[in-house]
N, C-alpha and C. Protein backbone atom coordinates (compact mmCIF):
# COMPACT_ATOMS: atom_id res chain seq x y z
N MET A 1 16.22 -140.73 211.71
CA MET A 1 16.81 -139.81 210.82
C MET A 1 16.08 -139.80 209.50
N VAL A 2 15.75 -140.93 209.01
CA VAL A 2 15.03 -141.14 207.74
C VAL A 2 13.62 -140.52 207.89
N ILE A 3 13.03 -140.72 209.01
CA ILE A 3 11.68 -140.21 209.27
C ILE A 3 11.68 -138.69 209.31
N ALA A 4 12.71 -138.13 209.96
CA ALA A 4 12.84 -136.66 210.04
C ALA A 4 13.05 -136.12 208.66
N ALA A 5 13.81 -136.70 207.86
CA ALA A 5 14.06 -136.22 206.50
C ALA A 5 12.77 -136.31 205.63
N ALA A 6 12.00 -137.35 205.81
CA ALA A 6 10.76 -137.53 205.07
C ALA A 6 9.75 -136.46 205.56
N VAL A 7 9.66 -136.21 206.81
CA VAL A 7 8.77 -135.18 207.37
C VAL A 7 9.17 -133.82 206.83
N LEU A 8 10.40 -133.50 206.80
CA LEU A 8 10.90 -132.24 206.31
C LEU A 8 10.60 -132.07 204.82
N ILE A 9 10.85 -133.10 203.99
CA ILE A 9 10.52 -133.06 202.58
C ILE A 9 9.03 -132.90 202.33
N LEU A 10 8.20 -133.61 203.07
CA LEU A 10 6.76 -133.52 203.01
C LEU A 10 6.32 -132.11 203.40
N GLY A 11 6.89 -131.52 204.40
CA GLY A 11 6.57 -130.15 204.84
C GLY A 11 6.90 -129.14 203.76
N VAL A 12 8.06 -129.29 203.13
CA VAL A 12 8.48 -128.38 202.05
C VAL A 12 7.48 -128.46 200.86
N LEU A 13 7.16 -129.67 200.50
CA LEU A 13 6.23 -129.87 199.35
C LEU A 13 4.80 -129.28 199.69
N LEU A 14 4.38 -129.51 200.84
CA LEU A 14 3.03 -128.97 201.25
C LEU A 14 3.10 -127.44 201.31
N GLY A 15 4.18 -126.91 201.83
CA GLY A 15 4.36 -125.41 201.83
C GLY A 15 4.37 -124.82 200.45
N ALA A 16 5.04 -125.50 199.52
CA ALA A 16 5.11 -125.06 198.10
C ALA A 16 3.70 -125.09 197.49
N LEU A 17 2.95 -126.11 197.84
CA LEU A 17 1.61 -126.21 197.29
C LEU A 17 0.78 -125.02 197.60
N PHE A 18 0.98 -124.42 198.81
CA PHE A 18 0.16 -123.26 199.19
C PHE A 18 0.76 -121.96 198.70
N LEU A 19 2.08 -121.91 198.57
CA LEU A 19 2.70 -120.71 198.12
C LEU A 19 2.75 -120.43 196.64
N ILE A 20 2.74 -121.50 195.87
CA ILE A 20 2.81 -121.29 194.39
C ILE A 20 1.41 -121.20 193.89
N PRO A 21 1.09 -120.06 193.21
CA PRO A 21 -0.30 -119.87 192.73
C PRO A 21 -0.60 -120.88 191.55
N ARG A 22 -1.79 -121.34 191.52
CA ARG A 22 -2.19 -122.23 190.52
C ARG A 22 -2.38 -121.44 189.21
N LYS A 23 -2.20 -122.08 188.09
CA LYS A 23 -2.38 -121.39 186.83
C LYS A 23 -3.79 -120.91 186.64
N SER A 24 -4.74 -121.66 187.08
CA SER A 24 -6.16 -121.23 186.91
C SER A 24 -6.43 -119.94 187.75
N ALA A 25 -5.84 -119.79 188.84
CA ALA A 25 -6.08 -118.63 189.72
C ALA A 25 -5.45 -117.37 188.99
N VAL A 26 -4.26 -117.56 188.47
CA VAL A 26 -3.57 -116.48 187.76
C VAL A 26 -4.36 -116.12 186.52
N ALA A 27 -4.81 -117.10 185.76
CA ALA A 27 -5.63 -116.78 184.51
C ALA A 27 -6.92 -116.12 184.91
N GLU A 28 -7.56 -116.52 185.99
CA GLU A 28 -8.84 -115.90 186.36
C GLU A 28 -8.56 -114.40 186.75
N LYS A 29 -7.52 -114.15 187.47
CA LYS A 29 -7.25 -112.74 187.82
C LYS A 29 -6.94 -111.92 186.56
N SER A 30 -6.25 -112.50 185.66
CA SER A 30 -5.93 -111.81 184.35
C SER A 30 -7.21 -111.51 183.59
N ARG A 31 -8.13 -112.46 183.56
CA ARG A 31 -9.45 -112.22 182.87
C ARG A 31 -10.23 -111.14 183.55
N THR A 32 -10.21 -111.11 184.89
CA THR A 32 -10.92 -110.05 185.65
C THR A 32 -10.37 -108.71 185.35
N ASN A 33 -9.01 -108.56 185.34
CA ASN A 33 -8.40 -107.29 185.06
C ASN A 33 -8.72 -106.84 183.66
N ALA A 34 -8.69 -107.75 182.72
CA ALA A 34 -9.05 -107.41 181.33
C ALA A 34 -10.50 -106.93 181.23
N ALA A 35 -11.42 -107.62 181.96
CA ALA A 35 -12.81 -107.23 181.92
C ALA A 35 -13.00 -105.82 182.54
N ASP A 36 -12.25 -105.48 183.58
CA ASP A 36 -12.29 -104.13 184.14
C ASP A 36 -11.87 -103.12 183.15
N ARG A 37 -10.83 -103.38 182.37
CA ARG A 37 -10.35 -102.43 181.42
C ARG A 37 -11.27 -102.17 180.25
N LYS A 38 -12.09 -103.19 179.97
CA LYS A 38 -13.03 -103.15 178.82
C LYS A 38 -14.40 -102.82 179.28
N LYS A 39 -14.57 -102.09 180.38
CA LYS A 39 -15.86 -101.73 180.88
C LYS A 39 -16.62 -100.91 179.84
N VAL A 40 -17.88 -101.33 179.60
CA VAL A 40 -18.73 -100.67 178.64
C VAL A 40 -19.45 -99.50 179.31
N TYR A 41 -19.38 -98.32 178.74
CA TYR A 41 -19.98 -97.17 179.34
C TYR A 41 -21.19 -96.75 178.52
N ARG A 42 -22.12 -96.07 179.22
CA ARG A 42 -23.33 -95.50 178.54
C ARG A 42 -22.90 -94.19 177.90
N VAL A 43 -23.61 -93.77 176.83
CA VAL A 43 -23.35 -92.52 176.17
C VAL A 43 -24.46 -91.49 176.64
N TYR A 44 -24.01 -90.29 177.02
CA TYR A 44 -24.89 -89.27 177.50
C TYR A 44 -24.80 -88.03 176.65
N SER A 45 -25.94 -87.34 176.47
CA SER A 45 -25.94 -86.08 175.70
C SER A 45 -25.63 -84.98 176.72
N LYS A 46 -25.21 -83.83 176.14
CA LYS A 46 -24.92 -82.65 176.94
C LYS A 46 -26.16 -82.14 177.74
N ALA A 47 -27.30 -82.34 177.07
CA ALA A 47 -28.58 -81.87 177.73
C ALA A 47 -28.84 -82.79 178.93
N GLU A 48 -28.55 -84.05 178.80
CA GLU A 48 -28.81 -84.93 179.94
C GLU A 48 -27.84 -84.70 181.09
N ILE A 49 -26.60 -84.43 180.75
CA ILE A 49 -25.61 -84.14 181.80
C ILE A 49 -25.91 -82.77 182.48
N ALA A 50 -26.45 -81.82 181.72
CA ALA A 50 -26.80 -80.50 182.27
C ALA A 50 -27.78 -80.58 183.44
N LEU A 51 -28.57 -81.57 183.49
CA LEU A 51 -29.54 -81.77 184.58
C LEU A 51 -28.91 -82.04 185.91
N HIS A 52 -27.69 -82.50 185.89
CA HIS A 52 -26.98 -82.93 187.09
C HIS A 52 -25.97 -81.83 187.51
N ASN A 53 -26.54 -80.69 187.95
CA ASN A 53 -25.68 -79.50 188.16
C ASN A 53 -25.80 -78.92 189.56
N LYS A 54 -26.04 -79.85 190.54
CA LYS A 54 -26.18 -79.43 191.94
C LYS A 54 -25.21 -80.16 192.84
N ARG A 55 -25.01 -79.63 194.03
CA ARG A 55 -24.17 -80.25 194.99
C ARG A 55 -24.61 -81.69 195.28
N THR A 56 -25.92 -81.94 195.31
CA THR A 56 -26.46 -83.23 195.65
C THR A 56 -26.64 -84.12 194.44
N ASP A 57 -26.27 -83.60 193.24
CA ASP A 57 -26.30 -84.38 192.01
C ASP A 57 -25.39 -83.72 191.01
N CYS A 58 -24.09 -84.11 191.04
CA CYS A 58 -23.08 -83.40 190.33
C CYS A 58 -22.37 -84.34 189.35
N TRP A 59 -22.57 -84.03 188.02
CA TRP A 59 -21.85 -84.71 187.03
C TRP A 59 -20.95 -83.67 186.30
N ILE A 60 -19.82 -84.15 185.83
CA ILE A 60 -18.94 -83.27 185.05
C ILE A 60 -18.49 -84.06 183.81
N ILE A 61 -17.99 -83.28 182.85
CA ILE A 61 -17.35 -83.86 181.66
C ILE A 61 -15.87 -83.56 181.66
N VAL A 62 -15.06 -84.52 181.47
CA VAL A 62 -13.65 -84.29 181.35
C VAL A 62 -13.19 -85.13 180.13
N LYS A 63 -12.70 -84.40 179.14
CA LYS A 63 -12.15 -85.04 177.88
C LYS A 63 -13.16 -86.03 177.34
N ASP A 64 -14.46 -85.54 177.14
CA ASP A 64 -15.51 -86.31 176.52
C ASP A 64 -15.88 -87.57 177.30
N ARG A 65 -15.59 -87.58 178.55
CA ARG A 65 -16.01 -88.71 179.41
C ARG A 65 -16.85 -88.07 180.54
N VAL A 66 -17.84 -88.82 180.99
CA VAL A 66 -18.83 -88.29 181.99
C VAL A 66 -18.49 -88.94 183.38
N PHE A 67 -18.46 -88.11 184.41
CA PHE A 67 -18.13 -88.53 185.70
C PHE A 67 -19.22 -88.06 186.71
N ASP A 68 -19.73 -88.95 187.50
CA ASP A 68 -20.67 -88.63 188.58
C ASP A 68 -19.85 -88.43 189.88
N VAL A 69 -19.61 -87.15 190.18
CA VAL A 69 -18.74 -86.83 191.30
C VAL A 69 -19.51 -86.41 192.54
N THR A 70 -20.81 -86.73 192.52
CA THR A 70 -21.67 -86.30 193.66
C THR A 70 -21.11 -86.69 194.98
N SER A 71 -20.68 -87.92 195.14
CA SER A 71 -20.21 -88.45 196.42
C SER A 71 -18.81 -87.82 196.79
N TYR A 72 -18.19 -87.15 195.83
CA TYR A 72 -16.87 -86.60 196.10
C TYR A 72 -16.92 -85.06 196.38
N VAL A 73 -18.03 -84.47 196.10
CA VAL A 73 -18.15 -83.00 196.25
C VAL A 73 -17.70 -82.55 197.66
N GLU A 74 -18.18 -83.16 198.70
CA GLU A 74 -17.84 -82.74 200.06
C GLU A 74 -16.41 -83.04 200.43
N GLU A 75 -15.76 -84.00 199.76
CA GLU A 75 -14.36 -84.29 200.03
C GLU A 75 -13.35 -83.51 199.21
N HIS A 76 -13.85 -82.81 198.18
CA HIS A 76 -13.01 -82.13 197.28
C HIS A 76 -12.10 -81.11 197.97
N PRO A 77 -10.77 -81.26 197.84
CA PRO A 77 -9.88 -80.40 198.58
C PRO A 77 -10.01 -78.86 198.19
N GLY A 78 -10.52 -78.62 196.95
CA GLY A 78 -10.69 -77.31 196.50
C GLY A 78 -12.02 -76.67 196.85
N GLY A 79 -12.77 -77.37 197.73
CA GLY A 79 -14.09 -76.89 198.17
C GLY A 79 -15.06 -76.85 197.04
N ASP A 80 -15.79 -75.81 196.94
CA ASP A 80 -16.90 -75.69 195.95
C ASP A 80 -16.46 -75.46 194.53
N ALA A 81 -15.12 -75.37 194.35
CA ALA A 81 -14.63 -75.15 192.98
C ALA A 81 -15.06 -76.31 192.00
N ILE A 82 -15.26 -77.46 192.59
CA ILE A 82 -15.76 -78.62 191.79
C ILE A 82 -17.16 -78.32 191.20
N LEU A 83 -17.88 -77.40 191.84
CA LEU A 83 -19.25 -77.10 191.39
C LEU A 83 -19.30 -76.04 190.29
N THR A 84 -18.24 -75.40 190.06
CA THR A 84 -18.11 -74.36 189.04
C THR A 84 -18.70 -74.78 187.70
N ASN A 85 -18.31 -76.00 187.27
CA ASN A 85 -18.74 -76.53 186.01
C ASN A 85 -19.63 -77.75 186.19
N ALA A 86 -20.40 -77.84 187.25
CA ALA A 86 -21.30 -78.94 187.48
C ALA A 86 -22.31 -79.01 186.35
N GLY A 87 -22.47 -80.15 185.80
CA GLY A 87 -23.39 -80.34 184.66
C GLY A 87 -22.85 -79.92 183.31
N SER A 88 -21.56 -79.63 183.28
CA SER A 88 -20.95 -79.23 182.00
C SER A 88 -19.54 -79.69 181.89
N ASP A 89 -18.84 -79.11 180.95
CA ASP A 89 -17.41 -79.53 180.69
C ASP A 89 -16.43 -78.89 181.66
N SER A 90 -15.75 -79.73 182.36
CA SER A 90 -14.73 -79.33 183.39
C SER A 90 -13.31 -79.59 182.94
N THR A 91 -13.09 -79.95 181.66
CA THR A 91 -11.82 -80.35 181.19
C THR A 91 -10.73 -79.29 181.52
N GLU A 92 -10.98 -78.08 181.16
CA GLU A 92 -9.98 -77.03 181.34
C GLU A 92 -9.65 -76.91 182.84
N GLY A 93 -10.62 -76.82 183.64
CA GLY A 93 -10.37 -76.70 185.10
C GLY A 93 -9.68 -77.91 185.71
N PHE A 94 -10.10 -79.08 185.25
CA PHE A 94 -9.49 -80.32 185.78
C PHE A 94 -8.04 -80.40 185.43
N TYR A 95 -7.63 -80.00 184.25
CA TYR A 95 -6.23 -80.09 183.85
C TYR A 95 -5.40 -78.84 184.31
N GLY A 96 -5.95 -78.05 185.19
CA GLY A 96 -5.26 -76.88 185.72
C GLY A 96 -4.11 -77.32 186.64
N PRO A 97 -3.23 -76.40 186.98
CA PRO A 97 -2.05 -76.73 187.82
C PRO A 97 -2.35 -77.13 189.24
N GLN A 98 -3.59 -76.92 189.69
CA GLN A 98 -3.97 -77.23 191.09
C GLN A 98 -4.15 -78.67 191.37
N HIS A 99 -4.28 -79.51 190.33
CA HIS A 99 -4.47 -80.88 190.55
C HIS A 99 -3.21 -81.72 190.54
N PRO A 100 -2.97 -82.50 191.60
CA PRO A 100 -1.76 -83.39 191.60
C PRO A 100 -2.02 -84.53 190.64
N GLY A 101 -0.97 -85.26 190.37
CA GLY A 101 -1.08 -86.40 189.44
C GLY A 101 -2.08 -87.44 189.93
N GLY A 102 -2.27 -87.63 191.21
CA GLY A 102 -3.18 -88.60 191.75
C GLY A 102 -4.61 -88.31 191.43
N ALA A 103 -4.95 -87.07 191.08
CA ALA A 103 -6.32 -86.73 190.70
C ALA A 103 -6.77 -87.47 189.44
N PHE A 104 -5.83 -87.67 188.54
CA PHE A 104 -6.15 -88.35 187.32
C PHE A 104 -6.55 -89.84 187.45
N GLN A 105 -5.94 -90.42 188.48
CA GLN A 105 -6.31 -91.85 188.78
C GLN A 105 -7.60 -91.82 189.65
N LEU A 106 -7.74 -90.91 190.56
CA LEU A 106 -8.92 -90.84 191.40
C LEU A 106 -10.18 -90.67 190.61
N ILE A 107 -10.17 -89.81 189.60
CA ILE A 107 -11.41 -89.54 188.90
C ILE A 107 -11.91 -90.74 188.12
N GLU A 108 -11.05 -91.69 187.79
CA GLU A 108 -11.49 -92.86 187.04
C GLU A 108 -12.57 -93.66 187.85
N ASP A 109 -12.53 -93.63 189.15
CA ASP A 109 -13.52 -94.34 189.97
C ASP A 109 -14.91 -93.73 189.75
N TYR A 110 -15.01 -92.56 189.26
CA TYR A 110 -16.31 -91.88 189.16
C TYR A 110 -16.86 -91.85 187.72
N CYS A 111 -16.15 -92.50 186.78
CA CYS A 111 -16.58 -92.50 185.42
C CYS A 111 -17.87 -93.32 185.23
N ILE A 112 -18.80 -92.74 184.61
CA ILE A 112 -20.09 -93.46 184.33
C ILE A 112 -20.43 -93.55 182.86
N GLY A 113 -19.68 -92.84 182.00
CA GLY A 113 -20.01 -92.95 180.60
C GLY A 113 -19.22 -92.04 179.76
N GLU A 114 -19.67 -91.84 178.52
CA GLU A 114 -19.00 -91.05 177.55
C GLU A 114 -19.98 -89.98 177.02
N LEU A 115 -19.40 -88.88 176.55
CA LEU A 115 -20.21 -87.83 175.94
C LEU A 115 -20.63 -88.16 174.53
N GLU A 116 -21.84 -87.94 174.20
CA GLU A 116 -22.38 -88.20 172.85
C GLU A 116 -21.62 -87.38 171.86
N LYS A 117 -21.21 -87.90 170.78
CA LYS A 117 -20.40 -87.25 169.74
C LYS A 117 -21.31 -86.46 168.84
């Protein structure tokens, strides 16, 4: 009976060791998330962005941020509408009623920089 109780207690302690995250792992994850949020972007001029105005090389500007959406052009639910402002400012079109709320999170993956002031 004593052995069974000792084995049970030992099992619970070992299980807790694996289930409870260590502080260092939590701190590391927090540092990683903070680093992602503080990503440093390159600054691009309008002239530089204007060179990327094709289906195979498509950059757009949305609210003074630069996005390389080349890999998304073929997936765009609105078809070639994404190419309307390729190489230029797409802010007005992007904030139109056709985009669901998820589009605002999706575009973040394509951000490569900021527009030169």
